Amino acid sequence: MIREATPGDADLVAKRLGGLPLLARYGMSPADLARRLREAMARGDGVLVACDESGPIGFAWFLAGGTFALGGYLRLIAVAPEHQSKSLGAALLGEVETRVHAAGGRSLFLLVSDFNQAAQRFYAAHGYTEAGRLEKFVRDDVDELIFWKRL
């Protein structure tokens, strides 16, 4: 089940997903993730959670509009390792796309780390095109690749 996150979900998401290697590489601890998700919800950013009977097993954090005045921006998406390759990421991404389009967005943009080949393949398989590179945008040792899709 995918639903809008509530502030009470932030700690559960962080406990389940905050230790992912990608987040750690960017210096985001579980506590940082929980805090950032609570702040995002307080600002009105979109935060979705995918849940099973045990609670949140994935999430997507996005902005429905504002990107180049034409679309949304997927800030972060993650699925617990034991639930990956089961179409959960695709379902979260699809729900983000639906919500961005419903808000008037014509496109969805996102950044992918240059070293994250699996994510690049995932987005390409879902119709995203690499549109550029931001050198050392977040970290001095990583370039961020701009991906986008017309909705």
N, C-alpha and C. Protein backbone atom coordinates (compact mmCIF):
# COMPACT_ATOMS: atom_id res chain seq x y z
N MET A 1 0.84 -1.18 0.00
CA MET A 1 0.00 0.00 0.00
C MET A 1 0.89 1.25 0.00
N ILE A 2 0.56 2.20 -0.84
CA ILE A 2 1.27 3.49 -0.88
C ILE A 2 0.30 4.55 -0.40
N ARG A 3 0.78 5.39 0.51
CA ARG A 3 -0.05 6.45 1.07
C ARG A 3 0.82 7.65 1.40
N GLU A 4 0.15 8.78 1.68
CA GLU A 4 0.89 9.95 2.14
C GLU A 4 1.48 9.68 3.50
N ALA A 5 2.69 10.12 3.70
CA ALA A 5 3.35 9.94 4.99
C ALA A 5 2.77 10.90 6.01
N THR A 6 2.87 10.51 7.25
CA THR A 6 2.50 11.36 8.38
C THR A 6 3.77 11.63 9.18
N PRO A 7 3.78 12.69 9.99
CA PRO A 7 4.99 12.95 10.79
C PRO A 7 5.42 11.74 11.63
N GLY A 8 4.46 10.93 12.07
CA GLY A 8 4.80 9.74 12.84
C GLY A 8 5.55 8.69 12.05
N ASP A 9 5.47 8.76 10.71
CA ASP A 9 6.19 7.80 9.87
C ASP A 9 7.68 8.11 9.77
N ALA A 10 8.08 9.34 10.04
CA ALA A 10 9.47 9.74 9.81
C ALA A 10 10.46 8.87 10.57
N ASP A 11 10.21 8.62 11.85
CA ASP A 11 11.13 7.80 12.63
C ASP A 11 11.11 6.35 12.16
N LEU A 12 9.94 5.86 11.76
CA LEU A 12 9.84 4.47 11.28
C LEU A 12 10.60 4.30 9.97
N VAL A 13 10.46 5.26 9.08
CA VAL A 13 11.19 5.22 7.81
C VAL A 13 12.69 5.28 8.08
N ALA A 14 13.10 6.17 8.95
CA ALA A 14 14.52 6.33 9.25
C ALA A 14 15.10 5.07 9.88
N LYS A 15 14.33 4.44 10.74
CA LYS A 15 14.80 3.20 11.39
C LYS A 15 15.00 2.11 10.35
N ARG A 16 14.08 2.00 9.40
CA ARG A 16 14.11 0.93 8.40
C ARG A 16 15.07 1.23 7.26
N LEU A 17 15.18 2.51 6.86
CA LEU A 17 15.93 2.84 5.65
C LEU A 17 17.10 3.78 5.87
N GLY A 18 17.22 4.34 7.07
CA GLY A 18 18.24 5.35 7.32
C GLY A 18 19.66 4.86 7.22
N GLY A 19 19.88 3.56 7.28
CA GLY A 19 21.23 3.02 7.21
C GLY A 19 21.66 2.60 5.82
N LEU A 20 20.88 2.94 4.81
CA LEU A 20 21.26 2.56 3.44
C LEU A 20 22.61 3.16 3.06
N PRO A 21 23.46 2.39 2.37
CA PRO A 21 24.79 2.89 2.01
C PRO A 21 24.78 4.20 1.24
N LEU A 22 23.81 4.39 0.34
CA LEU A 22 23.76 5.63 -0.43
C LEU A 22 23.55 6.84 0.48
N LEU A 23 22.65 6.72 1.44
CA LEU A 23 22.42 7.82 2.37
C LEU A 23 23.66 8.08 3.21
N ALA A 24 24.31 7.02 3.66
CA ALA A 24 25.53 7.17 4.45
C ALA A 24 26.62 7.86 3.64
N ARG A 25 26.73 7.53 2.37
CA ARG A 25 27.76 8.16 1.53
C ARG A 25 27.56 9.68 1.46
N TYR A 26 26.31 10.10 1.54
CA TYR A 26 26.01 11.53 1.51
C TYR A 26 25.95 12.13 2.91
N GLY A 27 26.36 11.37 3.92
CA GLY A 27 26.44 11.89 5.27
C GLY A 27 25.10 12.02 5.98
N MET A 28 24.10 11.28 5.52
CA MET A 28 22.77 11.39 6.13
C MET A 28 22.56 10.21 7.08
N SER A 29 22.53 10.50 8.35
CA SER A 29 22.28 9.48 9.37
C SER A 29 20.78 9.20 9.45
N PRO A 30 20.39 8.13 10.12
CA PRO A 30 18.96 7.89 10.33
C PRO A 30 18.27 9.08 11.01
N ALA A 31 18.92 9.68 11.99
CA ALA A 31 18.32 10.84 12.67
C ALA A 31 18.16 12.01 11.70
N ASP A 32 19.14 12.22 10.83
CA ASP A 32 19.05 13.28 9.82
C ASP A 32 17.87 13.03 8.89
N LEU A 33 17.73 11.77 8.46
CA LEU A 33 16.64 11.43 7.55
C LEU A 33 15.29 11.70 8.20
N ALA A 34 15.12 11.27 9.43
CA ALA A 34 13.85 11.50 10.14
C ALA A 34 13.56 12.99 10.25
N ARG A 35 14.57 13.76 10.63
CA ARG A 35 14.39 15.22 10.77
C ARG A 35 14.03 15.85 9.43
N ARG A 36 14.74 15.48 8.39
CA ARG A 36 14.49 16.07 7.06
C ARG A 36 13.11 15.71 6.54
N LEU A 37 12.68 14.49 6.79
CA LEU A 37 11.33 14.11 6.34
C LEU A 37 10.26 14.87 7.11
N ARG A 38 10.44 15.04 8.42
CA ARG A 38 9.47 15.84 9.20
C ARG A 38 9.43 17.28 8.70
N GLU A 39 10.61 17.85 8.43
CA GLU A 39 10.66 19.23 7.91
C GLU A 39 10.00 19.31 6.53
N ALA A 40 10.23 18.30 5.70
CA ALA A 40 9.63 18.29 4.36
C ALA A 40 8.11 18.28 4.46
N MET A 41 7.58 17.44 5.33
CA MET A 41 6.12 17.38 5.49
C MET A 41 5.58 18.69 6.03
N ALA A 42 6.29 19.30 6.96
CA ALA A 42 5.85 20.58 7.54
C ALA A 42 5.81 21.67 6.47
N ARG A 43 6.72 21.62 5.50
CA ARG A 43 6.75 22.61 4.40
C ARG A 43 5.69 22.33 3.36
N GLY A 44 5.14 21.11 3.35
CA GLY A 44 4.17 20.75 2.33
C GLY A 44 4.76 19.99 1.16
N ASP A 45 6.02 19.56 1.27
CA ASP A 45 6.59 18.71 0.23
C ASP A 45 5.81 17.41 0.19
N GLY A 46 5.85 16.73 -0.92
CA GLY A 46 5.22 15.43 -1.02
C GLY A 46 6.11 14.37 -0.40
N VAL A 47 5.57 13.59 0.49
CA VAL A 47 6.28 12.43 1.04
C VAL A 47 5.29 11.27 1.06
N LEU A 48 5.65 10.23 0.35
CA LEU A 48 4.83 9.02 0.29
C LEU A 48 5.57 7.89 0.99
N VAL A 49 4.82 6.97 1.57
CA VAL A 49 5.41 5.76 2.12
C VAL A 49 4.73 4.55 1.50
N ALA A 50 5.52 3.53 1.28
CA ALA A 50 5.01 2.22 0.89
C ALA A 50 5.08 1.35 2.13
N CYS A 51 3.98 0.70 2.46
CA CYS A 51 3.91 -0.06 3.71
C CYS A 51 3.48 -1.50 3.46
N ASP A 52 3.95 -2.36 4.34
CA ASP A 52 3.38 -3.70 4.45
C ASP A 52 2.90 -3.84 5.89
N GLU A 53 2.59 -5.05 6.32
CA GLU A 53 2.06 -5.24 7.67
C GLU A 53 3.05 -4.83 8.77
N SER A 54 4.34 -4.74 8.43
CA SER A 54 5.35 -4.36 9.43
C SER A 54 5.56 -2.85 9.51
N GLY A 55 4.98 -2.09 8.58
CA GLY A 55 5.15 -0.64 8.56
C GLY A 55 5.81 -0.18 7.28
N PRO A 56 6.39 1.03 7.26
CA PRO A 56 7.01 1.57 6.06
C PRO A 56 8.20 0.73 5.59
N ILE A 57 8.20 0.42 4.29
CA ILE A 57 9.30 -0.33 3.69
C ILE A 57 9.91 0.43 2.51
N GLY A 58 9.39 1.60 2.24
CA GLY A 58 9.91 2.44 1.18
C GLY A 58 9.28 3.82 1.28
N PHE A 59 9.92 4.79 0.64
CA PHE A 59 9.38 6.15 0.64
C PHE A 59 9.85 6.90 -0.59
N ALA A 60 9.13 7.96 -0.89
CA ALA A 60 9.51 8.90 -1.95
C ALA A 60 9.24 10.31 -1.43
N TRP A 61 10.20 11.19 -1.63
CA TRP A 61 10.11 12.59 -1.21
C TRP A 61 10.22 13.42 -2.49
N PHE A 62 9.24 14.28 -2.73
CA PHE A 62 9.21 15.01 -3.99
C PHE A 62 8.60 16.40 -3.82
N LEU A 63 8.86 17.23 -4.81
CA LEU A 63 8.22 18.54 -4.94
C LEU A 63 7.32 18.45 -6.16
N ALA A 64 6.07 18.81 -6.01
CA ALA A 64 5.12 18.65 -7.11
C ALA A 64 5.31 19.69 -8.21
N GLY A 65 5.94 20.80 -7.92
CA GLY A 65 6.10 21.82 -8.94
C GLY A 65 7.32 22.68 -8.69
N GLY A 66 7.52 23.60 -9.59
CA GLY A 66 8.58 24.58 -9.43
C GLY A 66 9.83 24.32 -10.25
N THR A 67 10.05 23.10 -10.68
CA THR A 67 11.28 22.79 -11.39
C THR A 67 11.20 23.32 -12.81
N PHE A 68 12.02 24.29 -13.11
CA PHE A 68 12.03 24.96 -14.41
C PHE A 68 10.64 25.46 -14.79
N ALA A 69 9.79 25.68 -13.81
CA ALA A 69 8.41 26.15 -13.99
C ALA A 69 7.57 25.19 -14.83
N LEU A 70 8.04 23.96 -14.99
CA LEU A 70 7.34 23.00 -15.84
C LEU A 70 7.08 21.66 -15.20
N GLY A 71 7.59 21.43 -14.01
CA GLY A 71 7.42 20.09 -13.48
C GLY A 71 7.86 19.93 -12.05
N GLY A 72 7.88 18.68 -11.64
CA GLY A 72 8.24 18.32 -10.29
C GLY A 72 9.67 17.83 -10.20
N TYR A 73 10.07 17.57 -8.97
CA TYR A 73 11.42 17.11 -8.70
C TYR A 73 11.35 15.99 -7.68
N LEU A 74 11.90 14.85 -8.01
CA LEU A 74 12.00 13.73 -7.08
C LEU A 74 13.26 13.92 -6.27
N ARG A 75 13.08 14.23 -5.01
CA ARG A 75 14.22 14.52 -4.13
C ARG A 75 14.93 13.24 -3.69
N LEU A 76 14.15 12.25 -3.30
CA LEU A 76 14.74 11.02 -2.77
C LEU A 76 13.71 9.91 -2.82
N ILE A 77 14.14 8.74 -3.21
CA ILE A 77 13.29 7.55 -3.20
C ILE A 77 14.15 6.40 -2.71
N ALA A 78 13.57 5.54 -1.88
CA ALA A 78 14.33 4.40 -1.36
C ALA A 78 13.37 3.29 -0.97
N VAL A 79 13.87 2.08 -1.11
CA VAL A 79 13.13 0.88 -0.73
C VAL A 79 14.06 0.01 0.10
N ALA A 80 13.53 -0.57 1.17
CA ALA A 80 14.33 -1.45 2.02
C ALA A 80 14.95 -2.55 1.15
N PRO A 81 16.22 -2.89 1.40
CA PRO A 81 16.91 -3.87 0.55
C PRO A 81 16.15 -5.18 0.35
N GLU A 82 15.52 -5.68 1.39
CA GLU A 82 14.81 -6.96 1.27
C GLU A 82 13.54 -6.86 0.44
N HIS A 83 13.13 -5.64 0.09
CA HIS A 83 11.93 -5.44 -0.73
C HIS A 83 12.26 -4.90 -2.12
N GLN A 84 13.53 -4.78 -2.44
CA GLN A 84 13.92 -4.30 -3.76
C GLN A 84 13.69 -5.38 -4.81
N SER A 85 13.58 -4.97 -6.04
CA SER A 85 13.33 -5.86 -7.19
C SER A 85 11.98 -6.55 -7.11
N LYS A 86 11.02 -5.89 -6.46
CA LYS A 86 9.66 -6.42 -6.36
C LYS A 86 8.64 -5.40 -6.88
N SER A 87 9.11 -4.45 -7.68
CA SER A 87 8.28 -3.42 -8.31
C SER A 87 7.79 -2.35 -7.34
N LEU A 88 8.28 -2.35 -6.12
CA LEU A 88 7.85 -1.34 -5.16
C LEU A 88 8.39 0.05 -5.53
N GLY A 89 9.65 0.12 -5.94
CA GLY A 89 10.21 1.39 -6.39
C GLY A 89 9.45 1.94 -7.59
N ALA A 90 9.09 1.04 -8.51
CA ALA A 90 8.32 1.46 -9.68
C ALA A 90 6.94 1.98 -9.27
N ALA A 91 6.34 1.34 -8.29
CA ALA A 91 5.02 1.80 -7.82
C ALA A 91 5.13 3.17 -7.15
N LEU A 92 6.15 3.37 -6.33
CA LEU A 92 6.35 4.68 -5.71
C LEU A 92 6.60 5.74 -6.77
N LEU A 93 7.48 5.45 -7.72
CA LEU A 93 7.78 6.40 -8.79
C LEU A 93 6.52 6.72 -9.59
N GLY A 94 5.72 5.71 -9.90
CA GLY A 94 4.49 5.94 -10.63
C GLY A 94 3.52 6.84 -9.87
N GLU A 95 3.44 6.65 -8.57
CA GLU A 95 2.55 7.50 -7.76
C GLU A 95 3.06 8.94 -7.72
N VAL A 96 4.37 9.11 -7.63
CA VAL A 96 4.94 10.47 -7.69
C VAL A 96 4.59 11.11 -9.02
N GLU A 97 4.79 10.39 -10.11
CA GLU A 97 4.48 10.92 -11.44
C GLU A 97 3.00 11.33 -11.53
N THR A 98 2.12 10.49 -11.02
CA THR A 98 0.69 10.79 -11.04
C THR A 98 0.39 12.07 -10.28
N ARG A 99 0.98 12.22 -9.12
CA ARG A 99 0.71 13.41 -8.30
C ARG A 99 1.31 14.67 -8.90
N VAL A 100 2.49 14.57 -9.47
CA VAL A 100 3.09 15.74 -10.12
C VAL A 100 2.24 16.15 -11.31
N HIS A 101 1.82 15.18 -12.11
CA HIS A 101 0.98 15.49 -13.28
C HIS A 101 -0.35 16.11 -12.85
N ALA A 102 -0.96 15.57 -11.80
CA ALA A 102 -2.23 16.11 -11.30
C ALA A 102 -2.09 17.54 -10.81
N ALA A 103 -0.88 17.90 -10.36
CA ALA A 103 -0.62 19.27 -9.89
C ALA A 103 -0.25 20.19 -11.05
N GLY A 104 -0.32 19.69 -12.28
CA GLY A 104 -0.05 20.52 -13.44
C GLY A 104 1.35 20.36 -14.00
N GLY A 105 2.14 19.46 -13.43
CA GLY A 105 3.50 19.27 -13.92
C GLY A 105 3.53 18.54 -15.25
N ARG A 106 4.35 19.03 -16.14
CA ARG A 106 4.50 18.39 -17.45
C ARG A 106 5.67 17.44 -17.49
N SER A 107 6.57 17.55 -16.49
CA SER A 107 7.78 16.73 -16.47
C SER A 107 8.14 16.41 -15.03
N LEU A 108 8.96 15.38 -14.86
CA LEU A 108 9.53 15.07 -13.56
C LEU A 108 11.04 15.00 -13.74
N PHE A 109 11.75 15.67 -12.86
CA PHE A 109 13.20 15.73 -12.88
C PHE A 109 13.75 15.06 -11.64
N LEU A 110 14.98 14.58 -11.73
CA LEU A 110 15.65 13.99 -10.58
C LEU A 110 17.15 13.98 -10.83
N LEU A 111 17.89 13.78 -9.77
CA LEU A 111 19.34 13.65 -9.87
C LEU A 111 19.73 12.24 -9.46
N VAL A 112 20.72 11.69 -10.16
CA VAL A 112 21.26 10.37 -9.85
C VAL A 112 22.77 10.50 -9.74
N SER A 113 23.33 9.91 -8.70
CA SER A 113 24.78 9.91 -8.53
C SER A 113 25.45 9.21 -9.71
N ASP A 114 26.59 9.76 -10.15
CA ASP A 114 27.27 9.18 -11.30
C ASP A 114 27.70 7.73 -11.07
N PHE A 115 27.94 7.35 -9.83
CA PHE A 115 28.38 5.98 -9.53
C PHE A 115 27.22 5.00 -9.38
N ASN A 116 25.99 5.49 -9.33
CA ASN A 116 24.84 4.64 -9.03
C ASN A 116 24.23 4.08 -10.34
N GLN A 117 24.93 3.10 -10.89
CA GLN A 117 24.52 2.50 -12.16
C GLN A 117 23.15 1.83 -12.06
N ALA A 118 22.86 1.20 -10.94
CA ALA A 118 21.56 0.52 -10.78
C ALA A 118 20.42 1.52 -10.87
N ALA A 119 20.57 2.67 -10.23
CA ALA A 119 19.52 3.69 -10.28
C ALA A 119 19.39 4.25 -11.70
N GLN A 120 20.51 4.45 -12.38
CA GLN A 120 20.46 4.95 -13.74
C GLN A 120 19.69 3.98 -14.64
N ARG A 121 19.93 2.69 -14.48
CA ARG A 121 19.20 1.69 -15.27
C ARG A 121 17.72 1.69 -14.90
N PHE A 122 17.41 1.81 -13.61
CA PHE A 122 16.03 1.84 -13.15
C PHE A 122 15.26 2.99 -13.81
N TYR A 123 15.83 4.19 -13.75
CA TYR A 123 15.12 5.35 -14.32
C TYR A 123 15.02 5.24 -15.84
N ALA A 124 16.07 4.79 -16.50
CA ALA A 124 16.01 4.61 -17.96
C ALA A 124 14.90 3.62 -18.33
N ALA A 125 14.78 2.55 -17.57
CA ALA A 125 13.75 1.55 -17.84
C ALA A 125 12.34 2.10 -17.64
N HIS A 126 12.23 3.20 -16.89
CA HIS A 126 10.92 3.82 -16.65
C HIS A 126 10.72 5.09 -17.47
N GLY A 127 11.49 5.22 -18.54
CA GLY A 127 11.26 6.30 -19.50
C GLY A 127 12.01 7.59 -19.25
N TYR A 128 12.97 7.59 -18.34
CA TYR A 128 13.73 8.80 -18.04
C TYR A 128 14.94 8.88 -18.95
N THR A 129 15.30 10.11 -19.30
CA THR A 129 16.43 10.38 -20.17
C THR A 129 17.46 11.21 -19.41
N GLU A 130 18.72 10.86 -19.57
CA GLU A 130 19.78 11.68 -18.97
C GLU A 130 19.87 12.99 -19.75
N ALA A 131 19.81 14.11 -19.03
CA ALA A 131 19.76 15.41 -19.69
C ALA A 131 20.96 16.30 -19.38
N GLY A 132 21.82 15.85 -18.50
CA GLY A 132 22.98 16.68 -18.18
C GLY A 132 23.71 16.16 -16.96
N ARG A 133 24.75 16.90 -16.60
CA ARG A 133 25.61 16.52 -15.48
C ARG A 133 25.94 17.77 -14.68
N LEU A 134 25.83 17.64 -13.38
CA LEU A 134 26.23 18.70 -12.46
C LEU A 134 27.48 18.21 -11.73
N GLU A 135 28.61 18.74 -12.13
CA GLU A 135 29.87 18.29 -11.56
C GLU A 135 30.01 18.77 -10.11
N LYS A 136 30.32 17.82 -9.23
CA LYS A 136 30.59 18.12 -7.82
C LYS A 136 29.47 18.94 -7.19
N PHE A 137 28.24 18.68 -7.56
CA PHE A 137 27.11 19.49 -7.11
C PHE A 137 26.83 19.33 -5.62
N VAL A 138 26.84 18.10 -5.12
CA VAL A 138 26.55 17.84 -3.72
C VAL A 138 27.82 17.48 -2.97
N ARG A 139 28.66 16.67 -3.59
CA ARG A 139 29.92 16.23 -2.99
C ARG A 139 31.03 16.45 -4.00
N ASP A 140 32.22 16.74 -3.52
CA ASP A 140 33.35 16.96 -4.41
C ASP A 140 33.79 15.72 -5.17
N ASP A 141 33.42 14.55 -4.69
CA ASP A 141 33.84 13.31 -5.34
C ASP A 141 32.74 12.65 -6.16
N VAL A 142 31.62 13.34 -6.36
CA VAL A 142 30.49 12.75 -7.07
C VAL A 142 29.88 13.80 -8.01
N ASP A 143 29.62 13.38 -9.24
CA ASP A 143 28.83 14.20 -10.15
C ASP A 143 27.39 13.71 -10.09
N GLU A 144 26.44 14.62 -10.23
CA GLU A 144 25.03 14.26 -10.24
C GLU A 144 24.53 14.34 -11.68
N LEU A 145 23.86 13.30 -12.11
CA LEU A 145 23.29 13.25 -13.45
C LEU A 145 21.84 13.69 -13.38
N ILE A 146 21.46 14.59 -14.27
CA ILE A 146 20.08 15.08 -14.34
C ILE A 146 19.30 14.13 -15.25
N PHE A 147 18.23 13.58 -14.71
CA PHE A 147 17.32 12.75 -15.50
C PHE A 147 15.97 13.44 -15.53
N TRP A 148 15.22 13.25 -16.61
CA TRP A 148 13.88 13.84 -16.69
C TRP A 148 12.99 12.95 -17.56
N LYS A 149 11.71 13.15 -17.36
CA LYS A 149 10.69 12.44 -18.14
C LYS A 149 9.51 13.37 -18.35
N ARG A 150 9.04 13.41 -19.57
CA ARG A 150 7.81 14.15 -19.88
C ARG A 150 6.63 13.31 -19.40
N LEU A 151 5.76 13.93 -18.64
CA LEU A 151 4.61 13.20 -18.09
C LEU A 151 3.41 13.30 -19.01
